[in-house]
Protein backbone atom coordinates (compact mmCIF):
# COMPACT_ATOMS: atom_id res chain seq x y z
CA MET A 1 -25.79 31.23 -1.65
CA SER A 2 -28.03 32.02 1.33
CA PHE A 3 -27.33 34.48 4.12
CA LYS A 4 -25.67 33.13 7.25
CA HIS A 5 -24.53 35.04 10.33
CA LYS A 6 -20.78 35.43 10.70
CA LYS A 7 -21.06 34.13 14.27
CA LYS A 8 -22.60 30.90 15.50
CA ILE A 9 -25.91 31.21 17.36
CA HIS A 10 -24.43 30.26 20.73
CA GLU A 11 -21.78 32.99 20.27
CA ILE A 12 -24.46 35.58 19.48
CA LEU A 13 -26.49 34.57 22.54
CA GLU A 14 -23.45 35.15 24.75
CA MET A 15 -22.86 38.74 23.55
CA ASP A 16 -23.52 41.74 25.77
CA PHE A 17 -26.06 44.27 24.53
CA GLU A 18 -23.60 46.82 23.08
CA THR A 19 -21.65 44.14 21.23
CA TYR A 20 -24.83 42.63 19.82
CA ALA A 21 -26.18 46.01 18.65
CA LYS A 22 -22.95 46.70 16.71
CA PHE A 23 -22.96 43.16 15.35
CA LEU A 24 -26.59 43.47 14.18
CA LYS A 25 -25.89 46.77 12.44
CA LYS A 26 -23.07 45.20 10.41
CA GLU A 27 -25.07 42.05 9.68
CA THR A 28 -27.99 44.16 8.44
CA LEU A 29 -25.77 45.65 5.72
CA ARG A 30 -24.90 42.14 4.56
CA ALA A 31 -28.42 40.77 4.90
CA ALA A 32 -29.92 43.60 2.81
CA LYS A 33 -28.23 42.14 -0.28
CA PHE A 34 -29.98 38.77 0.08
CA GLY A 35 -33.59 39.89 -0.28
CA GLU A 36 -36.20 38.01 1.75
CA LEU A 37 -34.86 36.05 4.72
CA ASP A 38 -36.22 33.79 7.43
CA ALA A 39 -35.93 35.32 10.90
CA VAL A 40 -36.36 34.23 14.52
CA PHE A 41 -37.28 36.81 17.18
CA CYS A 42 -37.04 36.75 20.95
CA THR A 43 -38.66 39.71 22.73
CA ASN A 44 -37.12 39.12 26.14
CA HIS A 45 -33.55 37.95 25.60
CA LYS A 46 -31.24 38.69 28.53
CA PHE A 47 -27.94 40.29 27.56
CA GLY A 48 -25.73 39.73 30.59
CA LYS A 49 -27.27 40.06 34.05
CA ASP A 50 -29.36 43.20 33.70
CA LYS A 51 -30.18 44.13 30.09
CA GLU A 52 -33.28 42.67 28.44
CA SER A 53 -34.09 43.40 24.81
CA SER A 54 -35.31 41.94 21.55
CA LEU A 55 -33.03 39.53 19.69
CA ILE A 56 -33.10 38.78 15.95
CA LEU A 57 -31.45 35.87 14.16
CA MET A 58 -31.64 35.73 10.36
CA GLY A 59 -30.87 33.30 7.54
CA ALA A 60 -32.52 30.21 6.08
CA PHE A 61 -34.85 28.28 8.39
CA VAL A 62 -32.73 25.12 8.50
CA GLY A 63 -29.99 23.70 10.74
CA ASP A 64 -29.12 25.67 13.86
CA LEU A 65 -31.67 28.44 13.23
CA ALA A 66 -34.55 25.97 12.89
CA SER A 67 -33.35 23.97 15.91
CA TYR A 68 -33.09 27.10 18.05
CA PHE A 69 -36.68 28.13 17.27
CA LYS A 70 -38.16 24.63 17.67
CA LYS A 71 -36.50 24.36 21.08
CA ASN A 72 -37.99 27.71 22.22
CA LYS A 73 -41.20 28.21 20.21
CA ALA A 74 -43.48 27.38 23.15
CA LYS A 75 -41.93 30.12 25.29
CA PRO A 76 -43.57 33.56 25.53
CA GLY A 77 -41.84 36.12 23.33
CA PHE A 78 -40.49 33.76 20.68
CA ALA A 79 -41.62 34.06 17.07
CA LYS A 80 -40.44 33.34 13.55
CA GLY A 81 -41.26 34.91 10.23
CA LYS A 82 -39.87 36.58 7.13
CA CYS A 83 -38.04 39.86 6.69
CA PHE A 84 -36.26 42.04 4.15
CA PHE A 85 -34.48 45.38 4.35
CA GLU A 86 -35.18 48.59 2.47
CA THR A 87 -32.69 51.47 2.39
CA THR A 88 -34.40 54.88 2.31
CA GLU A 89 -33.41 58.51 2.81
CA ASP A 90 -34.65 58.21 6.39
CA GLY A 91 -32.58 55.11 7.17
CA VAL A 92 -32.99 51.33 6.92
CA LYS A 93 -36.47 49.86 7.23
CA MET A 94 -36.81 46.23 8.29
CA HIS A 95 -40.03 44.77 6.89
CA ILE A 96 -41.23 41.85 9.02
CA ALA A 97 -44.10 39.35 8.75
CA ILE A 98 -44.57 37.01 11.74
CA ASN A 99 -45.97 33.59 10.80
CA SER A 100 -45.46 31.43 13.91
CA GLY A 101 -44.82 31.58 17.66
CA LYS A 102 -46.01 33.67 20.60
CA GLY A 103 -43.93 36.82 20.07
CA LYS A 104 -46.04 39.90 19.27
CA PRO A 105 -45.02 42.76 16.95
CA ASP A 106 -45.81 45.54 19.45
CA LYS A 107 -43.73 43.81 22.13
CA ILE A 108 -40.79 43.21 19.76
CA THR A 109 -40.90 46.89 18.80
CA LYS A 110 -41.29 48.26 22.32
CA VAL A 111 -38.74 46.07 24.14
CA GLY A 112 -36.20 46.45 21.35
CA ARG A 113 -36.51 50.26 21.09
CA LYS A 114 -32.90 50.92 22.14
CA LEU A 115 -31.63 48.09 19.94
CA TRP A 116 -33.39 49.49 16.86
CA LYS A 117 -31.90 52.90 17.50
CA LYS A 118 -28.34 51.63 17.98
CA ALA A 119 -28.56 49.29 14.98
CA GLY A 120 -30.05 52.04 12.78
CA LEU A 121 -33.22 50.08 12.01
CA GLU A 122 -36.93 50.86 11.83
CA PRO A 123 -39.09 47.71 12.20
CA LEU A 124 -42.28 47.65 10.12
CA PHE A 125 -44.65 44.74 10.66
CA HIS A 126 -47.03 43.35 8.03
CA ASP A 127 -49.53 40.49 7.88
CA LYS A 128 -47.71 39.53 4.69
CA LEU A 129 -44.49 40.98 3.31
CA PRO A 130 -45.09 43.60 0.63
CA PHE A 131 -43.88 42.04 -2.59
CA LEU A 132 -43.69 44.86 -5.09
CA ASP A 133 -45.27 47.95 -3.60
CA GLU A 134 -42.17 49.19 -1.76
CA ALA A 135 -39.87 48.54 -4.71
CA LEU A 136 -42.29 50.09 -7.19
CA GLY A 137 -42.17 53.36 -5.27
CA LYS A 138 -38.54 53.66 -6.39
CA VAL A 139 -39.37 53.16 -10.08
CA LYS A 140 -39.95 56.60 -11.57
CA LEU A 141 -41.42 56.03 -15.03
CA GLY A 142 -43.93 57.93 -17.10
CA GLU A 143 -46.48 56.28 -19.38
CA THR A 144 -44.54 57.46 -22.46
CA GLU A 145 -41.44 55.57 -21.28
CA LEU A 146 -43.50 52.45 -20.61
CA VAL A 147 -44.75 52.47 -24.20
CA LYS A 148 -41.40 53.44 -25.73
CA VAL A 149 -39.29 50.63 -24.26
CA ASN A 150 -39.80 47.36 -26.16
CA LEU A 151 -39.80 44.24 -23.98
CA GLY A 152 -40.82 41.90 -26.79
CA GLU A 153 -44.03 41.03 -24.96
CA ALA A 154 -45.92 39.67 -27.98
CA GLU A 155 -43.22 37.07 -28.69
CA MET A 156 -42.84 36.40 -24.97
CA LYS A 157 -46.57 35.67 -24.50
CA GLU A 158 -46.65 33.48 -27.61
CA SER A 159 -43.69 31.50 -26.30
CA ALA A 160 -45.31 31.15 -22.86
CA ASP A 161 -48.53 29.88 -24.45
CA THR A 162 -46.64 27.22 -26.43
CA GLU A 163 -44.53 26.09 -23.49
CA ASN A 164 -47.45 25.60 -21.08
CA ASN A 165 -49.62 23.55 -23.48
CA ASN A 166 -48.75 20.26 -21.77
CA GLN A 167 -48.35 21.65 -18.25
CA ALA A 168 -50.88 21.54 -15.43
CA ILE A 169 -51.90 24.95 -14.09
CA LYS A 170 -50.46 24.04 -10.68
CA LEU A 171 -47.00 23.67 -12.28
CA VAL A 172 -47.43 26.90 -14.25
CA LYS A 173 -48.35 28.72 -11.04
CA ASN A 174 -45.34 27.25 -9.21
CA ASN A 175 -43.04 28.36 -12.01
CA TYR A 176 -44.33 31.90 -11.53
CA LEU A 177 -43.87 31.76 -7.75
CA LYS A 178 -40.29 30.49 -8.14
CA SER A 179 -39.37 33.23 -10.62
CA ARG A 180 -41.06 35.81 -8.38
CA LYS A 181 -38.98 34.59 -5.43
CA MET A 182 -35.80 34.97 -7.49
CA LEU A 183 -36.85 38.49 -8.51
CA GLN A 184 -37.53 39.32 -4.87
CA ASP A 185 -34.15 37.96 -3.75
CA ARG A 186 -31.91 39.17 -6.58
CA VAL A 187 -33.52 42.29 -8.07
CA LEU A 188 -35.81 44.04 -5.60
CA PRO A 189 -33.00 44.82 -3.12
CA LEU A 190 -31.34 46.87 -5.89
CA ILE A 191 -34.55 48.62 -6.92
CA SER A 192 -35.52 49.47 -3.35
CA ASN A 193 -32.08 50.90 -2.54
CA LYS A 194 -31.93 54.64 -3.24
CA GLU A 195 -28.15 54.41 -3.79
CA THR A 196 -28.45 51.97 -6.71
CA LEU A 197 -26.96 53.35 -9.95
CA ASP A 198 -27.86 52.42 -13.53
CA ALA A 199 -24.42 50.83 -13.81
CA ASP A 200 -25.32 48.40 -10.99
CA TYR A 201 -27.87 46.61 -13.17
CA THR A 202 -26.73 43.74 -15.40
CA ASN A 203 -28.26 41.67 -18.16
CA GLN A 204 -28.78 38.94 -15.56
CA HIS A 205 -31.07 41.25 -13.56
CA PHE A 206 -33.06 41.98 -16.72
CA LYS A 207 -33.35 38.27 -17.57
CA ILE A 208 -34.67 37.55 -14.06
CA ALA A 209 -37.25 40.37 -14.36
CA LYS A 210 -38.30 39.26 -17.84
CA ALA A 211 -38.55 35.59 -16.78
CA CYS A 212 -40.86 36.62 -13.95
CA LEU A 213 -42.97 38.68 -16.36
CA LYS A 214 -43.13 35.73 -18.78
CA ASN A 215 -44.17 33.28 -16.06
CA ALA A 216 -46.87 35.68 -14.88
CA ALA A 217 -48.15 35.88 -18.47
CA SER A 218 -48.05 32.08 -18.70
CA PHE A 219 -50.14 31.71 -15.54
CA LEU A 220 -52.72 34.20 -16.85
CA ASP A 221 -52.82 32.43 -20.20
CA LYS A 222 -53.21 28.96 -18.69
CA PHE A 223 -56.04 30.20 -16.47
CA GLU A 224 -58.09 31.01 -19.58
CA GLU A 225 -57.66 27.45 -20.86
CA ILE A 226 -59.01 25.54 -17.83
CA ASN A 227 -62.63 24.78 -16.96
CA ALA A 228 -64.81 26.97 -14.75
CA ASP A 229 -64.53 24.71 -11.69
CA LYS A 230 -60.74 24.94 -11.73
CA GLN A 231 -60.85 28.66 -12.48
CA ALA A 232 -62.75 29.20 -9.24
CA LEU A 233 -59.75 27.83 -7.32
CA TYR A 234 -57.34 30.33 -8.87
CA GLN A 235 -59.61 33.34 -9.48
CA LYS A 236 -58.35 35.46 -6.55
CA GLU A 237 -54.65 34.96 -7.40
CA VAL A 238 -55.20 35.60 -11.09
CA THR A 239 -57.11 38.81 -10.40
CA THR A 240 -54.25 40.08 -8.20
CA ILE A 241 -51.64 39.25 -10.85
CA ARG A 242 -53.64 40.70 -13.74
CA THR A 243 -54.64 43.97 -12.08
CA ASP A 244 -51.74 44.56 -9.71
CA GLU A 245 -48.60 42.45 -10.06
CA TYR A 246 -48.21 42.18 -13.85
CA PRO A 247 -48.22 45.97 -14.44
CA LYS A 248 -45.67 46.37 -11.63
CA LEU A 249 -43.46 43.60 -12.99
CA ARG A 250 -43.53 45.32 -16.35
CA ARG A 251 -42.45 48.64 -14.84
CA ILE A 252 -39.52 46.92 -13.13
CA ALA A 253 -38.41 45.23 -16.37
CA VAL A 254 -38.65 48.55 -18.23
CA LYS A 255 -36.68 50.30 -15.50
CA ILE A 256 -33.84 47.77 -15.73
CA LYS A 257 -33.78 47.85 -19.54
CA GLN A 258 -33.59 51.64 -19.46
CA ALA A 259 -30.62 51.39 -17.08
CA LEU A 260 -28.90 48.92 -19.42
CA MET A 261 -29.57 51.16 -22.42
CA ALA A 262 -28.06 54.11 -20.56
CA ASN A 263 -24.88 52.06 -20.12
CA ASN A 264 -24.88 50.49 -23.60
CA ALA A 265 -25.37 47.06 -22.04
CA VAL A 266 -28.76 46.18 -23.52
CA ASP A 267 -29.72 42.53 -23.77
CA ILE A 268 -29.82 40.86 -27.18
CA ASP A 269 -33.38 40.20 -28.36
CA LEU A 270 -34.29 36.59 -29.14
CA LYS A 271 -34.83 37.42 -32.82
CA ASN A 272 -31.15 38.40 -33.05
CA LYS A 273 -29.98 35.19 -31.39
CA ALA A 274 -29.20 33.44 -34.67
CA SER A 275 -26.86 36.21 -35.81
CA LEU A 276 -25.31 36.31 -32.35
CA ASP A 277 -24.67 32.56 -32.48
CA ALA A 278 -23.10 32.93 -35.94
CA GLN A 279 -20.84 35.73 -34.71
CA GLU A 280 -19.86 33.74 -31.65
CA LYS A 281 -19.16 30.65 -33.79
CA GLU A 282 -16.99 32.68 -36.15
CA GLY A 283 -15.02 34.07 -33.19
CA ILE A 284 -14.60 30.62 -31.68
CA ASP A 285 -13.48 29.17 -35.02
CA LYS A 286 -10.86 31.91 -35.37
CA SER A 287 -9.60 31.25 -31.85
CA LEU A 288 -9.38 27.51 -32.48
CA GLY A 289 -7.54 28.15 -35.75
CA ALA A 290 -5.01 30.35 -33.95
CA LEU A 291 -4.58 27.68 -31.27
CA ASP A 292 -3.97 25.00 -33.92
CA LYS A 293 -1.23 27.09 -35.46
CA GLU A 294 0.31 27.67 -32.06
CA PHE A 295 0.27 23.95 -31.28
CA GLU A 296 1.94 23.22 -34.67
CA ARG A 297 4.68 25.69 -33.83
CA LEU A 298 5.16 24.15 -30.37
CA GLU A 299 5.28 20.66 -31.91
CA GLN A 300 8.05 21.83 -34.28
CA LEU A 301 9.99 23.28 -31.36
CA LYS A 302 9.53 20.01 -29.46
CA THR A 303 10.91 18.01 -32.43
CA GLN A 304 13.88 20.36 -32.74
CA ALA A 305 14.58 20.05 -28.99
CA ILE A 306 14.51 16.22 -29.19
CA GLU A 307 16.93 16.23 -32.14
CA ALA A 308 19.25 18.63 -30.32
CA SER A 309 19.15 16.42 -27.22
CA LYS A 310 20.12 13.34 -29.28
CA TYR A 311 22.99 15.24 -30.89
CA LEU A 312 24.29 16.37 -27.47
CA ASP A 313 24.09 12.79 -26.16
CA LYS A 314 26.18 11.51 -29.08
CA SER A 315 28.71 14.31 -28.60
CA SER A 316 29.13 13.53 -24.90
CA LYS A 317 29.77 9.81 -25.61
CA LYS A 318 32.62 10.67 -27.97
């Protein structure tokens, strides 16, 4: 489910400055849980008759949000881009990357100075949103811990190699980008939040992190199998993943597994899946057996009730 403002765009546009600042502060708390969002900015929105300030609308770039930007994109001060929120000891940082329109970062920052203060936000502009660097700063792990925690990487890489045999490298790359997007949306907001506890992590978070790690490994593996001409097209991305992103993805997966271990909620390794399936089957069989017995008992009661009803009918006729 994607983020959507609790008010319609036309209702937001009609707010006075104080109301909008309070509204934005509350919406920021909600938006922070959704990871990366689309955003539309207006540097010179008029709140009422006198007040002029920056305006931010967030969500998915479809429907009303997309229509609003397309209608105004040619105007000075309008821009669209991506954003995500990071909670730190110094407050909430809003990371922003503008990708279209005429609005400029320095203008958005300057004109919206009072808005940022009232909403408790610090805008930070980037050419491209930082993917892992901010989150990685929250992952405190020593090299010993990285070695000690088993992620099953050998089996994972072998599986990735087998699965991508009949896949084009473009598909393999897209699989990585999709899993990276899910990690960014579902996991990084937890990792970048200083208030996140070990108990907040679930097996689902670990599976998302491990799937991203596996897809990165698959992309690196497939790159080695293609010819030199094709390699030239992907060399820059592969170098970034191999030297920068893969080690960071691994640290994140280790961090989450450590959190699960601390709460006795560790995922089941694939090699134990057969025994898990057997245990689950045994439990299901027992439950079905108990249900069968219960249905037999209910059927007996039903028969007894029918017989009693017939007897009462005969008695009433006499």
